[in-house]
N, C-alpha and C. Protein backbone atom coordinates (compact mmCIF):
# COMPACT_ATOMS: atom_id res chain seq x y z
N MET A 1 0.83 -1.20 0.00
CA MET A 1 0.00 0.00 0.00
C MET A 1 0.87 1.26 0.00
N LEU A 2 1.84 1.29 0.90
CA LEU A 2 2.73 2.45 0.98
C LEU A 2 3.54 2.60 -0.30
N TRP A 3 3.99 1.48 -0.84
CA TRP A 3 4.77 1.51 -2.07
C TRP A 3 3.94 2.08 -3.22
N THR A 4 2.67 1.71 -3.28
CA THR A 4 1.78 2.21 -4.32
C THR A 4 1.59 3.72 -4.21
N ILE A 5 1.41 4.20 -2.99
CA ILE A 5 1.25 5.64 -2.77
C ILE A 5 2.50 6.39 -3.21
N ALA A 6 3.67 5.84 -2.88
CA ALA A 6 4.93 6.48 -3.27
C ALA A 6 5.05 6.56 -4.79
N VAL A 7 4.70 5.48 -5.48
CA VAL A 7 4.79 5.47 -6.95
C VAL A 7 3.82 6.48 -7.56
N VAL A 8 2.60 6.54 -7.03
CA VAL A 8 1.62 7.49 -7.55
C VAL A 8 2.10 8.92 -7.34
N LEU A 9 2.67 9.21 -6.17
CA LEU A 9 3.17 10.56 -5.91
C LEU A 9 4.33 10.92 -6.83
N ILE A 10 5.20 9.96 -7.11
CA ILE A 10 6.32 10.22 -8.03
C ILE A 10 5.78 10.52 -9.42
N LEU A 11 4.79 9.75 -9.86
CA LEU A 11 4.21 10.00 -11.19
C LEU A 11 3.54 11.37 -11.25
N LEU A 12 2.82 11.74 -10.20
CA LEU A 12 2.19 13.06 -10.18
C LEU A 12 3.23 14.17 -10.15
N TRP A 13 4.33 13.93 -9.45
CA TRP A 13 5.40 14.92 -9.38
C TRP A 13 6.02 15.13 -10.75
N ILE A 14 6.29 14.03 -11.45
CA ILE A 14 6.85 14.12 -12.81
C ILE A 14 5.86 14.83 -13.74
N LEU A 15 4.58 14.48 -13.62
CA LEU A 15 3.57 15.14 -14.44
C LEU A 15 3.53 16.63 -14.14
N GLY A 16 3.68 17.00 -12.88
CA GLY A 16 3.70 18.40 -12.50
C GLY A 16 4.90 19.14 -13.09
N LEU A 17 6.04 18.46 -13.14
CA LEU A 17 7.22 19.09 -13.73
C LEU A 17 7.04 19.29 -15.23
N ILE A 18 6.41 18.32 -15.89
CA ILE A 18 6.21 18.39 -17.33
C ILE A 18 5.20 19.47 -17.69
N THR A 19 4.11 19.55 -16.93
CA THR A 19 3.03 20.48 -17.28
C THR A 19 3.13 21.81 -16.54
N SER A 20 4.12 21.94 -15.66
CA SER A 20 4.31 23.15 -14.85
C SER A 20 3.09 23.43 -13.96
N PHE A 21 2.43 22.39 -13.52
CA PHE A 21 1.27 22.51 -12.64
C PHE A 21 1.56 21.72 -11.38
N THR A 22 1.82 22.40 -10.27
CA THR A 22 2.31 21.71 -9.08
C THR A 22 1.38 21.81 -7.88
N LEU A 23 0.21 22.40 -8.03
CA LEU A 23 -0.73 22.56 -6.92
C LEU A 23 -0.09 23.29 -5.74
N GLY A 24 0.69 24.30 -6.04
CA GLY A 24 1.30 25.10 -4.99
C GLY A 24 2.33 24.36 -4.17
N GLY A 25 2.99 23.38 -4.74
CA GLY A 25 4.02 22.64 -4.03
C GLY A 25 3.50 21.50 -3.18
N PHE A 26 2.19 21.28 -3.16
CA PHE A 26 1.60 20.23 -2.33
C PHE A 26 2.11 18.85 -2.73
N ILE A 27 2.20 18.61 -4.03
CA ILE A 27 2.68 17.32 -4.51
C ILE A 27 4.13 17.11 -4.09
N HIS A 28 4.94 18.16 -4.11
CA HIS A 28 6.34 18.05 -3.73
C HIS A 28 6.48 17.71 -2.25
N ILE A 29 5.65 18.31 -1.42
CA ILE A 29 5.69 18.01 0.00
C ILE A 29 5.30 16.56 0.25
N LEU A 30 4.24 16.08 -0.41
CA LEU A 30 3.83 14.69 -0.25
C LEU A 30 4.90 13.72 -0.75
N LEU A 31 5.57 14.09 -1.83
CA LEU A 31 6.63 13.23 -2.36
C LEU A 31 7.77 13.10 -1.36
N VAL A 32 8.18 14.20 -0.77
CA VAL A 32 9.25 14.17 0.22
C VAL A 32 8.85 13.31 1.41
N ILE A 33 7.62 13.44 1.87
CA ILE A 33 7.14 12.63 2.99
C ILE A 33 7.16 11.15 2.62
N ALA A 34 6.71 10.82 1.41
CA ALA A 34 6.69 9.42 0.97
C ALA A 34 8.09 8.85 0.89
N ILE A 35 9.04 9.61 0.39
CA ILE A 35 10.42 9.14 0.29
C ILE A 35 10.99 8.91 1.68
N ILE A 36 10.73 9.82 2.62
CA ILE A 36 11.22 9.66 3.98
C ILE A 36 10.66 8.40 4.62
N VAL A 37 9.36 8.16 4.43
CA VAL A 37 8.74 6.96 5.01
C VAL A 37 9.34 5.70 4.41
N VAL A 38 9.55 5.68 3.10
CA VAL A 38 10.15 4.50 2.47
C VAL A 38 11.56 4.29 2.98
N LEU A 39 12.35 5.35 3.11
CA LEU A 39 13.71 5.21 3.62
C LEU A 39 13.73 4.70 5.05
N VAL A 40 12.83 5.18 5.89
CA VAL A 40 12.76 4.71 7.27
C VAL A 40 12.44 3.21 7.29
N ARG A 41 11.53 2.77 6.43
CA ARG A 41 11.19 1.34 6.39
C ARG A 41 12.36 0.52 5.90
N VAL A 42 13.13 1.03 4.94
CA VAL A 42 14.31 0.30 4.45
C VAL A 42 15.35 0.21 5.55
N ILE A 43 15.58 1.30 6.26
CA ILE A 43 16.58 1.31 7.33
C ILE A 43 16.19 0.33 8.44
N ARG A 44 14.91 0.27 8.76
CA ARG A 44 14.44 -0.65 9.80
C ARG A 44 14.45 -2.10 9.33
N GLY A 45 14.58 -2.33 8.02
CA GLY A 45 14.63 -3.67 7.49
C GLY A 45 13.27 -4.26 7.21
N GLU A 46 12.24 -3.45 7.15
CA GLU A 46 10.91 -3.94 6.86
C GLU A 46 10.77 -4.21 5.36
N LYS A 47 9.90 -5.13 5.03
CA LYS A 47 9.68 -5.45 3.62
C LYS A 47 8.83 -4.34 2.98
N ILE A 48 9.27 -3.81 1.85
CA ILE A 48 8.57 -2.71 1.19
C ILE A 48 7.49 -3.25 0.27
N LEU A 49 7.85 -4.21 -0.57
CA LEU A 49 6.87 -4.75 -1.53
C LEU A 49 6.05 -5.73 -0.81
């Protein structure tokens, strides 16, 4: 579930860069949060997929 959310946010972020539509940086903030959560899970050794 978390992995799916991270992938969706990355795709939205890329789409925002391409179309110059970023929703006021909201997508970027969510992307950073998703990356931090994934990194914390990797560091703890939890299974991501």
